[in-house]
Amino acid sequence: MPTAPTHTVRLATDAMATRFELVLVGDDPSHLRAAGEEAIREIERIATRFSFYDKSSELSSLNRQASIAPQRVTGDLFELLQMCSRVHDQTGGAFDPTIGPLMRTWSFAAES
């Protein structure tokens, strides 16, 4: 009978106005920490590129410029926008990636 995992590693970061907390449980704490640190790096990488809250992000730039002129986006951002569109359709509009103006109106978000 396998033994229960004996180690817990906790890591956290703040990104995109959200607190991300990881709790990893397993037998090898160094492996857990390495996996958690990789996940944190990926969260931070995504936040740098796609955060609504970071004025220098690719997404914020698109939000500012798209009403002025057509914009080129990276393949990653295009894929993200396609996924958002699919999820919007699949949820009958419950997921709405266009909620930014409403969030600003209600003071939930700064101007991006």
Foldseek 3Di string as FASTA:
>chain_A
DDDFFDDWDWDWDDALNDIDIDIDTHNDVVVRVVVVVVVVVVRVVCRQAQRCQDCNHVNNVCVVCVVPDPDDDDPVVVVVVVVQVVVCVVVVNPRPPVCVVVCVVVPVGDRD
